[in-house]
Protein backbone atom coordinates (compact mmCIF):
# COMPACT_ATOMS: atom_id res chain seq x y z
CA MET A 1 16.56 -46.56 -33.12
CA GLY A 2 13.77 -45.20 -34.16
CA ASN A 3 12.11 -42.04 -35.93
CA PRO A 4 13.25 -39.05 -34.38
CA LEU A 5 9.94 -37.71 -35.55
CA LYS A 6 7.72 -39.86 -33.56
CA GLU A 7 10.77 -39.06 -30.58
CA PHE A 8 9.98 -35.63 -30.47
CA LYS A 9 5.85 -36.21 -31.09
CA ASN A 10 5.58 -38.72 -27.97
CA SER A 11 8.35 -36.49 -26.08
CA ILE A 12 6.04 -34.06 -26.47
CA ASP A 13 2.47 -35.86 -25.67
CA GLY A 14 4.52 -36.64 -21.90
CA LEU A 15 5.51 -33.62 -21.03
CA LYS A 16 1.67 -32.75 -21.94
CA GLN A 17 0.24 -35.23 -19.46
CA SER A 18 2.88 -34.03 -17.53
CA LEU A 19 1.70 -30.58 -17.33
CA ASP A 20 -1.97 -31.30 -16.49
CA GLY A 21 -0.87 -33.35 -13.82
CA VAL A 22 0.58 -30.13 -12.61
CA LYS A 23 -2.34 -28.29 -13.29
CA GLN A 24 -4.86 -31.12 -11.97
CA SER A 25 -1.73 -31.29 -8.40
CA VAL A 26 -2.65 -26.89 -8.80
CA ASP A 27 -6.22 -27.34 -9.15
CA GLY A 28 -5.91 -30.19 -6.20
CA LEU A 29 -4.09 -27.58 -3.52
CA LYS A 30 -6.03 -24.55 -4.62
CA ALA A 31 -9.68 -26.18 -3.01
CA PRO A 32 -7.64 -26.20 0.70
CA VAL A 33 -6.14 -22.50 0.41
CA GLU A 34 -9.99 -21.43 -1.21
CA GLU A 35 -11.26 -23.35 1.56
CA PHE A 36 -8.43 -21.85 4.26
CA LYS A 37 -9.25 -18.31 3.27
CA ALA A 38 -13.11 -18.86 3.49
CA ASN A 39 -12.11 -20.64 6.72
CA MET A 40 -9.61 -17.61 7.92
CA GLN A 41 -12.97 -14.92 6.87
CA GLU A 42 -15.45 -16.41 8.37
CA THR A 43 -13.40 -15.96 11.64
CA LEU A 44 -12.46 -13.18 11.84
CA ASP A 45 -16.26 -11.68 10.80
CA GLU A 46 -17.36 -13.55 13.79
CA ALA A 47 -14.38 -11.97 15.68
CA LYS A 48 -15.52 -8.80 14.85
CA GLN A 49 -19.08 -8.80 15.92
CA ARG A 50 -17.94 -10.59 18.99
CA SER A 51 -15.59 -7.27 19.56
CA ASP A 52 -18.82 -5.12 18.73
CA GLY A 53 -20.91 -7.98 21.28
CA VAL A 54 -18.01 -7.07 23.97
CA LYS A 55 -18.11 -3.44 23.35
CA SER A 56 -22.11 -2.69 23.77
CA GLU A 57 -21.77 -4.70 27.39
CA LEU A 58 -19.40 -2.72 28.52
CA GLY A 59 -21.17 0.50 26.98
CA ARG A 60 -24.21 -1.05 29.46
CA MET A 61 -21.84 -1.55 32.28
CA LYS A 62 -20.51 1.96 32.11
CA GLN A 63 -24.22 3.13 31.91
CA SER A 64 -25.11 0.48 34.91
CA VAL A 65 -22.14 2.51 37.21
CA LYS A 66 -23.38 5.43 36.73
CA GLU A 67 -26.82 4.62 37.31
CA THR A 68 -25.29 2.76 40.80
CA GLN A 69 -23.10 6.00 41.92
CA THR A 70 -26.20 8.27 41.01
CA VAL A 71 -28.25 6.04 43.01
CA LEU A 72 -25.95 5.69 46.21
CA GLY A 73 -25.87 8.97 46.12
CA GLU A 74 -29.24 9.38 47.35
CA VAL A 75 -28.97 6.68 49.41
CA LYS A 76 -26.15 8.79 51.62
CA GLU A 77 -28.27 12.43 50.87
CA THR A 78 -31.49 9.99 53.14
CA LEU A 79 -29.12 8.70 55.31
CA SER A 80 -27.55 12.07 56.59
CA ALA A 81 -30.79 14.32 56.78
CA SER A 82 -32.45 10.34 58.46
CA ALA A 83 -29.57 11.39 61.12
CA GLU A 84 -30.13 13.87 61.34
CA VAL A 85 -33.91 14.03 62.62
CA LEU A 86 -33.39 11.03 64.72
CA TYR A 87 -30.50 13.27 66.34
CA LYS A 88 -32.98 16.15 66.29
CA ARG A 89 -35.77 13.77 68.42
CA LYS A 90 -33.01 12.66 70.83
CA ARG A 91 -32.14 16.62 72.08
CA TYR A 92 -36.20 17.15 72.12
CA LEU A 93 -37.04 14.29 74.03
CA ARG A 94 -33.98 14.42 76.02
CA LEU A 95 -35.35 18.60 76.40
CA PHE A 96 -38.94 17.81 77.28
CA SER A 97 -38.07 14.01 79.92
CA ARG A 98 -35.82 16.32 82.15
CA LYS A 99 -37.53 16.87 85.66
CA ARG A 100 -38.09 20.99 86.68
CA LYS A 101 -37.73 21.84 89.62
CA PRO A 102 -40.78 23.32 90.85
CA GLN A 103 -40.00 27.21 90.65
CA THR A 104 -41.83 29.46 92.61
CA ALA A 105 -44.22 31.99 92.27
CA LYS A 106 -42.42 34.61 90.86
CA ALA A 107 -39.83 32.95 89.72
CA ARG A 108 -43.10 31.68 86.69
CA ARG A 109 -44.10 34.82 85.81
CA LEU A 110 -41.19 36.92 84.72
């Protein structure tokens, strides 16, 4: 058997080396975890930006729909007015294109 103090010191040195190896392993694992966290945060930020862009696009689309509805209302009014004008024109032409019966002199005076 050897010197117990020397063996104890060697045992402590072995534990220190083992502890250093564990620390290095932990440090080696921290880097991928930090990279993963950074990637996750970047992905979250991009998702928020896309979400904001989608909200903005939806707002523009809603505004476009409102404008289209307004234009369609105006077109409907215009078509109704032009249909009324065409109907009155047709009646006018029909009234004045009829052949009139010859009237007697007495009927013309009245």
